[in-house]
Each structure stands twice: as structure tokens, then as C-alpha cells.
Amino acid sequence: MKNPQVVLQQKEIDLIRVRKEVDALRTVLPLLDDPMQCVQEIISSRGMAQPTDDNGMAELELYFPFIKNLRMKNAAGGT
């Protein structure tokens, strides 16, 4: 028979892991709704200057590689 303390401790560890996973999903969820709006929010929340040209977007892609995929998707007319 398993020790109840060990089982409880493992369940608590599992609960912490699941909470972290839920927080991660809540962070990513806005990307599924409107990816470019989420990028704008990330930029403004970090106090970064808004890019005004393609060169500025290229610089952003260094910090946020997923932006290139979002730009390509928007250019292709995808949603």
C-alpha cells in the first residue's frame, strides 16, 4: 500500500504543474484570436517603439521570431 503522504505530495506537485500549464495557455490564447493585435500589445507592454517600416519589423523578428510567420500569414491573406 502506498504512503498517503507521498501520494498527497505527488498530487500537489501535479497540481502546481497543471496550474503552470493553464497559465501558459492563457498567455498564448490571444495569439489564436488576433495574432497581430497580440504582437502590438507585447510591443507596447515592453515599452518598445512601434516599427514604422519593414526594417523595424525585421529588428522585432530578432526578439520575437514568431512575428515573421504572422507577417507572412497576413501577407498571404490568411486568418
PDB file of N, CA and C in Angstrom:
ATOM      1  N   MET A   1       0.841  -1.182   0.000  1.00  0.00           N
ATOM      2  CA  MET A   1       0.000   0.000   0.000  1.00  0.00           C
ATOM      3  C   MET A   1       0.886   1.245   0.000  1.00  0.00           C
ATOM      4  N   LYS A   2       0.453   2.246  -0.754  1.00  0.00           N
ATOM      5  CA  LYS A   2       1.222   3.479  -0.863  1.00  0.00           C
ATOM      6  C   LYS A   2       1.039   4.348   0.378  1.00  0.00           C
ATOM      7  N   ASN A   3       2.092   5.075   0.662  1.00  0.00           N
ATOM      8  CA  ASN A   3       2.066   6.002   1.778  1.00  0.00           C
ATOM      9  C   ASN A   3       1.193   7.205   1.403  1.00  0.00           C
ATOM     10  N   PRO A   4       0.161   7.523   2.189  1.00  0.00           N
ATOM     11  CA  PRO A   4      -0.731   8.645   1.849  1.00  0.00           C
ATOM     12  C   PRO A   4      -0.001   9.990   1.741  1.00  0.00           C
ATOM     13  N   GLN A   5       1.020  10.190   2.545  1.00  0.00           N
ATOM     14  CA  GLN A   5       1.781  11.441   2.473  1.00  0.00           C
ATOM     15  C   GLN A   5       2.482  11.587   1.125  1.00  0.00           C
ATOM     16  N   VAL A   6       3.053  10.499   0.640  1.00  0.00           N
ATOM     17  CA  VAL A   6       3.750  10.518  -0.645  1.00  0.00           C
ATOM     18  C   VAL A   6       2.758  10.771  -1.778  1.00  0.00           C
ATOM     19  N   VAL A   7       1.605  10.120  -1.708  1.00  0.00           N
ATOM     20  CA  VAL A   7       0.572  10.306  -2.726  1.00  0.00           C
ATOM     21  C   VAL A   7       0.085  11.755  -2.718  1.00  0.00           C
ATOM     22  N   LEU A   8      -0.156  12.314  -1.542  1.00  0.00           N
ATOM     23  CA  LEU A   8      -0.605  13.696  -1.433  1.00  0.00           C
ATOM     24  C   LEU A   8       0.444  14.661  -1.982  1.00  0.00           C
ATOM     25  N   GLN A   9       1.698  14.425  -1.637  1.00  0.00           N
ATOM     26  CA  GLN A   9       2.776  15.286  -2.120  1.00  0.00           C
ATOM     27  C   GLN A   9       2.857  15.240  -3.655  1.00  0.00           C
ATOM     28  N   GLN A  10       2.721  14.055  -4.243  1.00  0.00           N
ATOM     29  CA  GLN A  10       2.764  13.927  -5.702  1.00  0.00           C
ATOM     30  C   GLN A  10       1.577  14.643  -6.342  1.00  0.00           C
ATOM     31  N   LYS A  11       0.413  14.551  -5.732  1.00  0.00           N
ATOM     32  CA  LYS A  11      -0.771  15.239  -6.260  1.00  0.00           C
ATOM     33  C   LYS A  11      -0.582  16.749  -6.196  1.00  0.00           C
ATOM     34  N   GLU A  12       0.025  17.243  -5.131  1.00  0.00           N
ATOM     35  CA  GLU A  12       0.284  18.677  -5.016  1.00  0.00           C
ATOM     36  C   GLU A  12       1.264  19.143  -6.090  1.00  0.00           C
ATOM     37  N   ILE A  13       2.277  18.347  -6.361  1.00  0.00           N
ATOM     38  CA  ILE A  13       3.240  18.659  -7.422  1.00  0.00           C
ATOM     39  C   ILE A  13       2.534  18.675  -8.778  1.00  0.00           C
ATOM     40  N   ASP A  14       1.673  17.696  -9.003  1.00  0.00           N
ATOM     41  CA  ASP A  14       0.911  17.642 -10.256  1.00  0.00           C
ATOM     42  C   ASP A  14       0.002  18.862 -10.396  1.00  0.00           C
ATOM     43  N   LEU A  15      -0.609  19.277  -9.307  1.00  0.00           N
ATOM     44  CA  LEU A  15      -1.491  20.445  -9.325  1.00  0.00           C
ATOM     45  C   LEU A  15      -0.718  21.705  -9.697  1.00  0.00           C
ATOM     46  N   ILE A  16       0.465  21.869  -9.144  1.00  0.00           N
ATOM     47  CA  ILE A  16       1.309  23.033  -9.475  1.00  0.00           C
ATOM     48  C   ILE A  16       1.670  23.012 -10.955  1.00  0.00           C
ATOM     49  N   ARG A  17       2.020  21.835 -11.482  1.00  0.00           N
ATOM     50  CA  ARG A  17       2.368  21.704 -12.903  1.00  0.00           C
ATOM     51  C   ARG A  17       1.181  22.081 -13.793  1.00  0.00           C
ATOM     52  N   VAL A  18      -0.003  21.588 -13.438  1.00  0.00           N
ATOM     53  CA  VAL A  18      -1.201  21.877 -14.237  1.00  0.00           C
ATOM     54  C   VAL A  18      -1.520  23.373 -14.192  1.00  0.00           C
ATOM     55  N   ARG A  19      -1.354  24.008 -13.034  1.00  0.00           N
ATOM     56  CA  ARG A  19      -1.598  25.449 -12.941  1.00  0.00           C
ATOM     57  C   ARG A  19      -0.650  26.224 -13.846  1.00  0.00           C
ATOM     58  N   LYS A  20       0.610  25.818 -13.896  1.00  0.00           N
ATOM     59  CA  LYS A  20       1.578  26.469 -14.786  1.00  0.00           C
ATOM     60  C   LYS A  20       1.178  26.281 -16.248  1.00  0.00           C
ATOM     61  N   GLU A  21       0.715  25.090 -16.589  1.00  0.00           N
ATOM     62  CA  GLU A  21       0.291  24.823 -17.966  1.00  0.00           C
ATOM     63  C   GLU A  21      -0.922  25.679 -18.335  1.00  0.00           C
ATOM     64  N   VAL A  22      -1.867  25.822 -17.417  1.00  0.00           N
ATOM     65  CA  VAL A  22      -3.053  26.648 -17.669  1.00  0.00           C
ATOM     66  C   VAL A  22      -2.641  28.110 -17.855  1.00  0.00           C
ATOM     67  N   ASP A  23      -1.724  28.596 -17.021  1.00  0.00           N
ATOM     68  CA  ASP A  23      -1.235  29.970 -17.175  1.00  0.00           C
ATOM     69  C   ASP A  23      -0.564  30.166 -18.531  1.00  0.00           C
ATOM     70  N   ALA A  24       0.212  29.174 -18.967  1.00  0.00           N
ATOM     71  CA  ALA A  24       0.863  29.257 -20.272  1.00  0.00           C
ATOM     72  C   ALA A  24      -0.174  29.301 -21.391  1.00  0.00           C
ATOM     73  N   LEU A  25      -1.218  28.498 -21.276  1.00  0.00           N
ATOM     74  CA  LEU A  25      -2.276  28.502 -22.294  1.00  0.00           C
ATOM     75  C   LEU A  25      -3.016  29.838 -22.315  1.00  0.00           C
ATOM     76  N   ARG A  26      -3.241  30.427 -21.155  1.00  0.00           N
ATOM     77  CA  ARG A  26      -3.896  31.737 -21.102  1.00  0.00           C
ATOM     78  C   ARG A  26      -3.024  32.807 -21.749  1.00  0.00           C
ATOM     79  N   THR A  27      -1.724  32.647 -21.657  1.00  0.00           N
ATOM     80  CA  THR A  27      -0.803  33.593 -22.277  1.00  0.00           C
ATOM     81  C   THR A  27      -0.849  33.481 -23.800  1.00  0.00           C
ATOM     82  N   VAL A  28      -0.979  32.275 -24.307  1.00  0.00           N
ATOM     83  CA  VAL A  28      -0.928  32.038 -25.747  1.00  0.00           C
ATOM     84  C   VAL A  28      -2.293  32.213 -26.408  1.00  0.00           C
ATOM     85  N   LEU A  29      -3.351  32.109 -25.660  1.00  0.00           N
ATOM     86  CA  LEU A  29      -4.704  32.169 -26.212  1.00  0.00           C
ATOM     87  C   LEU A  29      -4.962  33.409 -27.068  1.00  0.00           C
ATOM     88  N   PRO A  30      -4.549  34.603 -26.666  1.00  0.00           N
ATOM     89  CA  PRO A  30      -4.794  35.769 -27.529  1.00  0.00           C
ATOM     90  C   PRO A  30      -4.135  35.651 -28.900  1.00  0.00           C
ATOM     91  N   LEU A  31      -3.042  34.919 -29.010  1.00  0.00           N
ATOM     92  CA  LEU A  31      -2.394  34.735 -30.314  1.00  0.00           C
ATOM     93  C   LEU A  31      -3.305  33.994 -31.283  1.00  0.00           C
ATOM     94  N   LEU A  32      -4.118  33.105 -30.764  1.00  0.00           N
ATOM     95  CA  LEU A  32      -5.019  32.351 -31.625  1.00  0.00           C
ATOM     96  C   LEU A  32      -6.178  33.216 -32.111  1.00  0.00           C
ATOM     97  N   ASP A  33      -6.543  34.223 -31.333  1.00  0.00           N
ATOM     98  CA  ASP A  33      -7.657  35.089 -31.685  1.00  0.00           C
ATOM     99  C   ASP A  33      -7.234  36.129 -32.727  1.00  0.00           C
ATOM    100  N   ASP A  34      -6.266  36.966 -32.392  1.00  0.00           N
ATOM    101  CA  ASP A  34      -5.787  38.003 -33.302  1.00  0.00           C
ATOM    102  C   ASP A  34      -4.289  38.172 -33.091  1.00  0.00           C
ATOM    103  N   PRO A  35      -3.490  37.447 -33.859  1.00  0.00           N
ATOM    104  CA  PRO A  35      -2.056  37.423 -33.618  1.00  0.00           C
ATOM    105  C   PRO A  35      -1.380  38.790 -33.703  1.00  0.00           C
ATOM    106  N   MET A  36      -1.717  39.593 -34.690  1.00  0.00           N
ATOM    107  CA  MET A  36      -1.039  40.877 -34.849  1.00  0.00           C
ATOM    108  C   MET A  36      -1.402  41.836 -33.721  1.00  0.00           C
ATOM    109  N   GLN A  37      -2.621  41.790 -33.243  1.00  0.00           N
ATOM    110  CA  GLN A  37      -3.008  42.635 -32.110  1.00  0.00           C
ATOM    111  C   GLN A  37      -2.204  42.232 -30.878  1.00  0.00           C
ATOM    112  N   CYS A  38      -1.999  40.941 -30.699  1.00  0.00           N
ATOM    113  CA  CYS A  38      -1.221  40.461 -29.563  1.00  0.00           C
ATOM    114  C   CYS A  38       0.222  40.950 -29.661  1.00  0.00           C
ATOM    115  N   VAL A  39       0.773  40.943 -30.858  1.00  0.00           N
ATOM    116  CA  VAL A  39       2.139  41.448 -31.058  1.00  0.00           C
ATOM    117  C   VAL A  39       2.204  42.917 -30.670  1.00  0.00           C
ATOM    118  N   GLN A  40       1.200  43.688 -31.103  1.00  0.00           N
ATOM    119  CA  GLN A  40       1.177  45.112 -30.747  1.00  0.00           C
ATOM    120  C   GLN A  40       1.116  45.293 -29.232  1.00  0.00           C
ATOM    121  N   GLU A  41       0.348  44.451 -28.546  1.00  0.00           N
ATOM    122  CA  GLU A  41       0.256  44.543 -27.086  1.00  0.00           C
ATOM    123  C   GLU A  41       1.583  44.197 -26.425  1.00  0.00           C
ATOM    124  N   ILE A  42       2.272  43.202 -26.956  1.00  0.00           N
ATOM    125  CA  ILE A  42       3.588  42.839 -26.416  1.00  0.00           C
ATOM    126  C   ILE A  42       4.556  44.000 -26.580  1.00  0.00           C
ATOM    127  N   ILE A  43       4.527  44.615 -27.751  1.00  0.00           N
ATOM    128  CA  ILE A  43       5.425  45.735 -28.028  1.00  0.00           C
ATOM    129  C   ILE A  43       5.145  46.885 -27.077  1.00  0.00           C
ATOM    130  N   SER A  44       3.879  47.223 -26.921  1.00  0.00           N
ATOM    131  CA  SER A  44       3.545  48.364 -26.064  1.00  0.00           C
ATOM    132  C   SER A  44       3.784  48.053 -24.591  1.00  0.00           C
ATOM    133  N   SER A  45       3.552  46.817 -24.169  1.00  0.00           N
ATOM    134  CA  SER A  45       3.746  46.482 -22.755  1.00  0.00           C
ATOM    135  C   SER A  45       5.215  46.482 -22.365  1.00  0.00           C
ATOM    136  N   ARG A  46       6.090  46.267 -23.325  1.00  0.00           N
ATOM    137  CA  ARG A  46       7.521  46.258 -23.030  1.00  0.00           C
ATOM    138  C   ARG A  46       8.172  47.611 -23.295  1.00  0.00           C
ATOM    139  N   GLY A  47       7.350  48.588 -23.666  1.00  0.00           N
ATOM    140  CA  GLY A  47       7.879  49.934 -23.887  1.00  0.00           C
ATOM    141  C   GLY A  47       8.734  50.038 -25.132  1.00  0.00           C
ATOM    142  N   MET A  48       8.521  49.153 -26.093  1.00  0.00           N
ATOM    143  CA  MET A  48       9.303  49.183 -27.329  1.00  0.00           C
ATOM    144  C   MET A  48       8.655  50.146 -28.316  1.00  0.00           C
ATOM    145  N   ALA A  49       9.468  50.738 -29.169  1.00  0.00           N
ATOM    146  CA  ALA A  49       8.953  51.640 -30.196  1.00  0.00           C
ATOM    147  C   ALA A  49       8.204  50.832 -31.249  1.00  0.00           C
ATOM    148  N   GLN A  50       7.142  51.404 -31.755  1.00  0.00           N
ATOM    149  CA  GLN A  50       6.376  50.746 -32.811  1.00  0.00           C
ATOM    150  C   GLN A  50       7.164  50.813 -34.124  1.00  0.00           C
ATOM    151  N   PRO A  51       7.355  49.687 -34.798  1.00  0.00           N
ATOM    152  CA  PRO A  51       8.063  49.721 -36.075  1.00  0.00           C
ATOM    153  C   PRO A  51       7.214  50.425 -37.129  1.00  0.00           C
ATOM    154  N   THR A  52       7.865  51.273 -37.925  1.00  0.00           N
ATOM    155  CA  THR A  52       7.143  52.018 -38.948  1.00  0.00           C
ATOM    156  C   THR A  52       7.448  51.507 -40.345  1.00  0.00           C
ATOM    157  N   ASP A  53       8.447  50.639 -40.490  1.00  0.00           N
ATOM    158  CA  ASP A  53       8.792  50.127 -41.810  1.00  0.00           C
ATOM    159  C   ASP A  53       9.200  48.660 -41.696  1.00  0.00           C
ATOM    160  N   ASP A  54       9.526  48.060 -42.852  1.00  0.00           N
ATOM    161  CA  ASP A  54       9.912  46.647 -42.847  1.00  0.00           C
ATOM    162  C   ASP A  54      11.206  46.415 -42.079  1.00  0.00           C
ATOM    163  N   ASN A  55      12.106  47.399 -42.088  1.00  0.00           N
ATOM    164  CA  ASN A  55      13.353  47.253 -41.345  1.00  0.00           C
ATOM    165  C   ASN A  55      13.068  47.135 -39.848  1.00  0.00           C
ATOM    166  N   GLY A  56      12.121  47.914 -39.357  1.00  0.00           N
ATOM    167  CA  GLY A  56      11.744  47.840 -37.949  1.00  0.00           C
ATOM    168  C   GLY A  56      11.145  46.484 -37.604  1.00  0.00           C
ATOM    169  N   MET A  57      10.352  45.937 -38.518  1.00  0.00           N
ATOM    170  CA  MET A  57       9.769  44.615 -38.289  1.00  0.00           C
ATOM    171  C   MET A  57      10.867  43.559 -38.278  1.00  0.00           C
ATOM    172  N   ALA A  58      11.878  43.725 -39.135  1.00  0.00           N
ATOM    173  CA  ALA A  58      12.987  42.771 -39.161  1.00  0.00           C
ATOM    174  C   ALA A  58      13.717  42.773 -37.823  1.00  0.00           C
ATOM    175  N   GLU A  59      13.871  43.958 -37.234  1.00  0.00           N
ATOM    176  CA  GLU A  59      14.513  44.030 -35.920  1.00  0.00           C
ATOM    177  C   GLU A  59      13.657  43.339 -34.860  1.00  0.00           C
ATOM    178  N   LEU A  60      12.347  43.519 -34.946  1.00  0.00           N
ATOM    179  CA  LEU A  60      11.451  42.849 -33.994  1.00  0.00           C
ATOM    180  C   LEU A  60      11.547  41.333 -34.108  1.00  0.00           C
ATOM    181  N   GLU A  61      11.724  40.850 -35.332  1.00  0.00           N
ATOM    182  CA  GLU A  61      11.792  39.408 -35.555  1.00  0.00           C
ATOM    183  C   GLU A  61      12.996  38.790 -34.868  1.00  0.00           C
ATOM    184  N   LEU A  62      14.019  39.591 -34.601  1.00  0.00           N
ATOM    185  CA  LEU A  62      15.162  39.075 -33.855  1.00  0.00           C
ATOM    186  C   LEU A  62      14.755  38.708 -32.432  1.00  0.00           C
ATOM    187  N   TYR A  63      13.886  39.521 -31.843  1.00  0.00           N
ATOM    188  CA  TYR A  63      13.448  39.277 -30.472  1.00  0.00           C
ATOM    189  C   TYR A  63      12.252  38.333 -30.407  1.00  0.00           C
ATOM    190  N   PHE A  64      11.386  38.421 -31.387  1.00  0.00           N
ATOM    191  CA  PHE A  64      10.162  37.613 -31.416  1.00  0.00           C
ATOM    192  C   PHE A  64      10.082  36.897 -32.764  1.00  0.00           C
ATOM    193  N   PRO A  65      10.717  35.725 -32.903  1.00  0.00           N
ATOM    194  CA  PRO A  65      10.767  35.033 -34.194  1.00  0.00           C
ATOM    195  C   PRO A  65       9.400  34.699 -34.787  1.00  0.00           C
ATOM    196  N   PHE A  66       8.379  34.555 -33.952  1.00  0.00           N
ATOM    197  CA  PHE A  66       7.064  34.184 -34.473  1.00  0.00           C
ATOM    198  C   PHE A  66       6.441  35.312 -35.300  1.00  0.00           C
ATOM    199  N   ILE A  67       6.944  36.541 -35.173  1.00  0.00           N
ATOM    200  CA  ILE A  67       6.370  37.671 -35.902  1.00  0.00           C
ATOM    201  C   ILE A  67       6.521  37.483 -37.405  1.00  0.00           C
ATOM    202  N   LYS A  68       7.636  36.894 -37.831  1.00  0.00           N
ATOM    203  CA  LYS A  68       7.844  36.666 -39.268  1.00  0.00           C
ATOM    204  C   LYS A  68       6.735  35.775 -39.824  1.00  0.00           C
ATOM    205  N   ASN A  69       6.391  34.721 -39.097  1.00  0.00           N
ATOM    206  CA  ASN A  69       5.319  33.830 -39.545  1.00  0.00           C
ATOM    207  C   ASN A  69       3.981  34.565 -39.591  1.00  0.00           C
ATOM    208  N   LEU A  70       3.739  35.430 -38.607  1.00  0.00           N
ATOM    209  CA  LEU A  70       2.484  36.192 -38.595  1.00  0.00           C
ATOM    210  C   LEU A  70       2.420  37.146 -39.772  1.00  0.00           C
ATOM    211  N   ARG A  71       3.545  37.811 -40.067  1.00  0.00           N
ATOM    212  CA  ARG A  71       3.558  38.744 -41.211  1.00  0.00           C
ATOM    213  C   ARG A  71       3.319  37.990 -42.517  1.00  0.00           C
ATOM    214  N   MET A  72       3.975  36.835 -42.660  1.00  0.00           N
ATOM    215  CA  MET A  72       3.819  36.064 -43.893  1.00  0.00           C
ATOM    216  C   MET A  72       2.382  35.577 -44.038  1.00  0.00           C
ATOM    217  N   LYS A  73       1.776  35.182 -42.921  1.00  0.00           N
ATOM    218  CA  LYS A  73       0.401  34.704 -42.947  1.00  0.00           C
ATOM    219  C   LYS A  73      -0.554  35.832 -43.338  1.00  0.00           C
ATOM    220  N   ASN A  74      -0.324  37.025 -42.759  1.00  0.00           N
ATOM    221  CA  ASN A  74      -1.180  38.171 -43.089  1.00  0.00           C
ATOM    222  C   ASN A  74      -0.980  38.603 -44.531  1.00  0.00           C
ATOM    223  N   ALA A  75       0.248  38.548 -45.042  1.00  0.00           N
ATOM    224  CA  ALA A  75       0.518  38.937 -46.424  1.00  0.00           C
ATOM    225  C   ALA A  75      -0.163  37.987 -47.405  1.00  0.00           C
ATOM    226  N   ALA A  76      -0.271  36.711 -47.005  1.00  0.00           N
ATOM    227  CA  ALA A  76      -0.911  35.715 -47.860  1.00  0.00           C
ATOM    228  C   ALA A  76      -2.429  35.772 -47.770  1.00  0.00           C
ATOM    229  N   GLY A  77      -2.940  36.594 -46.834  1.00  0.00           N
ATOM    230  CA  GLY A  77      -4.387  36.733 -46.698  1.00  0.00           C
ATOM    231  C   GLY A  77      -5.004  35.701 -45.796  1.00  0.00           C
ATOM    232  N   GLY A  78      -4.176  34.993 -45.025  1.00  0.00           N
ATOM    233  CA  GLY A  78      -4.692  34.005 -44.078  1.00  0.00           C
ATOM    234  C   GLY A  78      -5.219  34.663 -42.838  1.00  0.00           C
ATOM    235  N   THR A  79      -6.065  33.927 -42.100  1.00  0.00           N
ATOM    236  CA  THR A  79      -6.595  34.461 -40.837  1.00  0.00           C
ATOM    237  C   THR A  79      -6.091  33.650 -39.687  1.00  0.00           C
TER     238      THR A  79
END
